[in-house]
Amino acid sequence: MEDGVQTDLTELSDIQLDALKEIANIGAGNAATAFSQMLDRRIDMSVPKVDIMPLNEIPEILGGPESLIAGILVEVMGEIPGKILFALDEASAKRMTALLVDRRLNNVEEQTEEIQESTLKEMGNILTNSYLNALSRMTNLSSVPSVPGLAQDMAGAILEVAFLQVGYIGDYALVVETEFWDGKDKISGNFFFIPTPESLNKILSKLGVGQI
C-alpha cells in the first residue's frame, strides 16, 4: 500500500474481509478455550459472524437504542491503536456472570453488584485479549489493551459515550457477532473493533492483503 493512502472499512475487498474474519475465528476459539479452562467445563462457540457496520446502526443489532445492555469498553494502544466494545444484552450478561459467580461462590445465592461487575470486566478482558492476541500473532504488531471499563445502561447511551468523537474511519466498526453455549444455554455477545486508519493499513499490509 502506498504511503499516505488510507483504507476505509467500507472499501475492503472480499479477500481483505476474509483475512479479518480468520482473525475473528481464531480469537473466538481462544476465548472459548479460556472460558472452558476457567470454568472447568466445556464451553462451545458458534462460528462468529463478521461484518462492517455504521456506528449509528449498531443499536439496532443490540435490540434498539433503549434496550438495556452491559458494555465493556477497552482502549487499544501500541502499534495498532483503536477502541473495542464488547456488548451483551441483559439476559446474556446475567447468564455470563452466573457461570463464574456460581463457580466461585460454590452456588451461594448472594451475588453482590460488585462481584457481578468484576466478573463482567474479567470476561470482557478475556475476550479482548483473545482477539488481540490472535491479531498480534498473525500480524506481528503489538497491541496493549487498557483496563476494561464497564457500563450498564441503554444501548444508545453506552454507544454514544463509547464512540463519542471517534471519527476514525467514517464512523464504521468491524462487528463480530458471537454466541457461547453452555450446554443448552446461549450467551449472545457483540464485539466491536474500531481501528484508526493507520492501524487498519498496518493490519492489512501485514496480512499480505494491503492492496484493495
Protein backbone atom coordinates (compact mmCIF):
# COMPACT_ATOMS: atom_id res chain seq x y z
CA MET A 1 0.00 0.00 0.00
CA GLU A 2 1.33 3.40 -0.92
CA ASP A 3 2.28 5.79 1.85
CA GLY A 4 -0.47 8.24 2.70
CA VAL A 5 -3.23 6.09 1.18
CA GLN A 6 -5.84 5.32 3.83
CA THR A 7 -8.04 2.26 3.71
CA ASP A 8 -11.69 2.69 4.61
CA LEU A 9 -13.51 -0.14 6.37
CA THR A 10 -16.32 0.20 3.82
CA GLU A 11 -13.93 -0.31 0.90
CA LEU A 12 -12.48 -3.66 1.94
CA SER A 13 -12.32 -6.36 -0.72
CA ASP A 14 -13.66 -9.86 -0.09
CA ILE A 15 -10.08 -11.10 0.38
CA GLN A 16 -9.36 -8.44 2.99
CA LEU A 17 -12.61 -9.11 4.85
CA ASP A 18 -11.88 -12.85 4.79
CA ALA A 19 -8.48 -12.19 6.37
CA LEU A 20 -10.11 -10.21 9.18
CA LYS A 21 -12.76 -12.94 9.60
CA GLU A 22 -9.99 -15.51 10.04
CA ILE A 23 -8.55 -13.47 12.90
CA ALA A 24 -12.04 -13.25 14.44
CA ASN A 25 -12.46 -17.02 14.20
CA ILE A 26 -9.11 -17.68 15.90
CA GLY A 27 -9.88 -15.11 18.60
CA ALA A 28 -13.29 -16.67 19.23
CA GLY A 29 -11.72 -20.10 19.58
CA ASN A 30 -9.16 -18.71 22.02
CA ALA A 31 -11.95 -17.13 24.08
CA ALA A 32 -13.99 -20.34 24.22
CA THR A 33 -10.90 -22.26 25.34
CA ALA A 34 -10.12 -19.67 28.03
CA PHE A 35 -13.69 -19.78 29.37
CA SER A 36 -13.66 -23.58 29.40
CA GLN A 37 -10.42 -23.64 31.39
CA MET A 38 -11.69 -21.09 33.91
CA LEU A 39 -14.95 -22.95 34.48
CA ASP A 40 -13.50 -26.45 34.19
CA ARG A 41 -16.36 -27.34 31.85
CA ARG A 42 -16.92 -27.30 28.13
CA ILE A 43 -17.96 -24.00 26.57
CA ASP A 44 -18.75 -24.07 22.86
CA MET A 45 -18.86 -21.14 20.47
CA SER A 46 -20.58 -20.79 17.13
CA VAL A 47 -18.63 -19.55 14.12
CA PRO A 48 -18.62 -15.75 14.50
CA LYS A 49 -20.45 -13.57 12.01
CA VAL A 50 -18.17 -10.73 10.92
CA ASP A 51 -19.41 -7.60 9.15
CA ILE A 52 -18.79 -3.89 8.65
CA MET A 53 -21.47 -1.62 10.09
CA PRO A 54 -22.04 2.14 10.56
CA LEU A 55 -21.96 3.12 14.23
CA ASN A 56 -25.45 4.64 14.00
CA GLU A 57 -26.88 1.21 13.06
CA ILE A 58 -25.23 -0.68 15.91
CA PRO A 59 -28.02 -0.03 18.49
CA GLU A 60 -30.45 -1.96 16.27
CA ILE A 61 -28.49 -5.21 16.48
CA LEU A 62 -28.46 -4.77 20.27
CA GLY A 63 -32.24 -4.64 20.40
CA GLY A 64 -32.72 -0.92 19.82
CA PRO A 65 -31.28 2.24 21.43
CA GLU A 66 -33.44 1.89 24.57
CA SER A 67 -32.62 -1.77 25.26
CA LEU A 68 -30.61 -2.42 28.42
CA ILE A 69 -27.13 -3.83 27.80
CA ALA A 70 -23.80 -4.32 29.55
CA GLY A 71 -20.92 -2.76 27.67
CA ILE A 72 -17.21 -3.38 28.33
CA LEU A 73 -15.03 -0.72 26.68
CA VAL A 74 -11.30 -1.10 26.10
CA GLU A 75 -8.84 1.38 24.62
CA VAL A 76 -6.23 -0.31 22.43
CA MET A 77 -2.75 1.20 22.40
CA GLY A 78 0.55 0.09 20.91
CA GLU A 79 1.20 -0.28 17.17
CA ILE A 80 -2.49 -0.71 16.25
CA PRO A 81 -4.49 1.75 18.37
CA GLY A 82 -8.26 1.83 18.35
CA LYS A 83 -11.27 1.03 20.51
CA ILE A 84 -13.03 -2.20 21.39
CA LEU A 85 -16.52 -2.59 22.83
CA PHE A 86 -17.97 -5.92 23.94
CA ALA A 87 -21.75 -5.66 24.42
CA LEU A 88 -24.15 -8.15 25.98
CA ASP A 89 -27.93 -7.95 26.26
CA GLU A 90 -29.28 -8.02 29.81
CA ALA A 91 -30.19 -11.72 29.81
CA SER A 92 -26.82 -12.81 28.37
CA ALA A 93 -24.93 -10.63 30.86
CA LYS A 94 -26.76 -12.33 33.73
CA ARG A 95 -26.05 -15.82 32.34
CA MET A 96 -22.39 -15.00 31.86
CA THR A 97 -21.91 -13.64 35.38
CA ALA A 98 -23.85 -16.55 36.86
CA LEU A 99 -21.42 -19.02 35.28
CA LEU A 100 -18.37 -17.58 37.03
CA VAL A 101 -20.05 -16.30 40.19
CA ASP A 102 -21.67 -19.66 40.93
CA ARG A 103 -18.33 -21.34 40.37
CA ARG A 104 -16.51 -19.03 42.75
CA LEU A 105 -19.16 -18.91 45.49
CA ASN A 106 -19.98 -22.62 45.26
CA ASN A 107 -23.54 -21.80 44.25
CA VAL A 108 -24.12 -19.38 47.12
CA GLU A 109 -27.16 -17.32 46.12
CA GLU A 110 -25.79 -13.94 47.22
CA GLN A 111 -24.28 -12.20 44.20
CA THR A 112 -23.38 -8.61 45.00
CA GLU A 113 -23.36 -5.93 42.35
CA GLU A 114 -19.63 -5.51 42.91
CA ILE A 115 -18.97 -9.20 42.21
CA GLN A 116 -21.13 -9.13 39.09
CA GLU A 117 -19.37 -6.03 37.74
CA SER A 118 -15.96 -7.51 38.46
CA THR A 119 -16.95 -10.71 36.68
CA LEU A 120 -18.19 -8.89 33.58
CA LYS A 121 -14.97 -6.89 33.39
CA GLU A 122 -12.95 -10.08 33.68
CA MET A 123 -14.92 -11.75 30.89
CA GLY A 124 -14.50 -8.67 28.72
CA ASN A 125 -10.79 -8.72 29.43
CA ILE A 126 -10.54 -12.37 28.39
CA LEU A 127 -12.41 -11.72 25.14
CA THR A 128 -10.39 -8.63 24.29
CA ASN A 129 -7.09 -10.38 24.93
CA SER A 130 -8.20 -13.42 22.93
CA TYR A 131 -8.85 -11.31 19.84
CA LEU A 132 -5.87 -9.01 20.24
CA ASN A 133 -3.50 -11.94 20.83
CA ALA A 134 -4.76 -13.58 17.63
CA LEU A 135 -4.30 -10.29 15.78
CA SER A 136 -0.79 -9.76 17.16
CA ARG A 137 0.31 -13.30 16.32
CA MET A 138 -0.91 -13.04 12.73
CA THR A 139 0.50 -9.56 12.11
CA ASN A 140 3.46 -9.36 14.50
CA LEU A 141 2.10 -5.97 15.61
CA SER A 142 1.92 -5.12 19.30
CA SER A 143 -1.35 -4.15 20.95
CA VAL A 144 -1.82 -3.08 24.55
CA PRO A 145 -5.37 -3.07 25.96
CA SER A 146 -6.39 -0.72 28.74
CA VAL A 147 -8.13 -1.87 31.91
CA PRO A 148 -11.75 -2.59 30.86
CA GLY A 149 -14.42 -0.07 31.77
CA LEU A 150 -17.99 -1.27 32.40
CA ALA A 151 -21.30 0.48 31.80
CA GLN A 152 -24.80 -0.94 32.23
CA ASP A 153 -27.35 1.31 30.56
CA MET A 154 -29.45 1.72 27.43
CA ALA A 155 -27.62 0.73 24.23
CA GLY A 156 -27.87 4.19 22.71
CA ALA A 157 -26.38 5.88 25.78
CA ILE A 158 -23.47 3.44 26.05
CA LEU A 159 -22.61 3.67 22.37
CA GLU A 160 -22.75 7.47 22.45
CA VAL A 161 -20.23 7.56 25.29
CA ALA A 162 -18.09 4.69 23.97
CA PHE A 163 -17.65 6.07 20.48
CA LEU A 164 -18.01 9.79 21.13
CA GLN A 165 -15.60 11.76 18.94
CA VAL A 166 -14.38 8.56 17.31
CA GLY A 167 -14.45 9.65 13.68
CA TYR A 168 -11.73 7.09 12.98
CA ILE A 169 -12.97 5.66 9.69
CA GLY A 170 -16.18 7.38 8.72
CA ASP A 171 -17.76 6.09 11.94
CA TYR A 172 -17.78 2.43 10.89
CA ALA A 173 -16.91 -0.57 13.02
CA LEU A 174 -15.81 -4.14 12.43
CA VAL A 175 -18.55 -6.18 14.12
CA VAL A 176 -18.08 -9.73 15.38
CA GLU A 177 -21.33 -11.39 16.49
CA THR A 178 -20.59 -14.31 18.81
CA GLU A 179 -22.60 -16.98 20.62
CA PHE A 180 -21.29 -19.02 23.54
CA TRP A 181 -23.08 -22.21 24.52
CA ASP A 182 -23.05 -23.75 27.98
CA GLY A 183 -24.99 -26.89 27.17
CA LYS A 184 -28.37 -25.59 26.01
CA ASP A 185 -27.90 -22.11 27.49
CA LYS A 186 -26.87 -19.44 24.98
CA ILE A 187 -24.89 -16.29 25.72
CA SER A 188 -25.02 -13.79 22.86
CA GLY A 189 -22.48 -11.01 22.58
CA ASN A 190 -21.25 -8.47 20.05
CA PHE A 191 -17.62 -7.48 19.72
CA PHE A 192 -16.90 -4.14 18.03
CA PHE A 193 -13.42 -3.11 16.89
CA ILE A 194 -12.76 0.39 15.57
CA PRO A 195 -9.12 0.75 14.47
CA THR A 196 -7.62 4.04 13.39
CA PRO A 197 -6.99 4.32 9.61
CA GLU A 198 -3.28 3.82 10.24
CA SER A 199 -3.95 0.70 12.30
CA LEU A 200 -6.14 -0.81 9.59
CA ASN A 201 -3.49 -0.13 6.96
CA LYS A 202 -0.81 -1.83 9.09
CA ILE A 203 -3.01 -4.86 9.78
CA LEU A 204 -3.94 -5.43 6.13
CA SER A 205 -0.36 -4.91 4.99
CA LYS A 206 0.97 -7.45 7.50
CA LEU A 207 -1.70 -9.91 6.39
CA GLY A 208 -0.47 -9.55 2.81
CA VAL A 209 -3.72 -8.05 1.55
CA GLY A 210 -2.82 -4.35 1.69
CA GLN A 211 -3.91 -3.50 -1.85
CA ILE A 212 -7.65 -3.14 -2.46
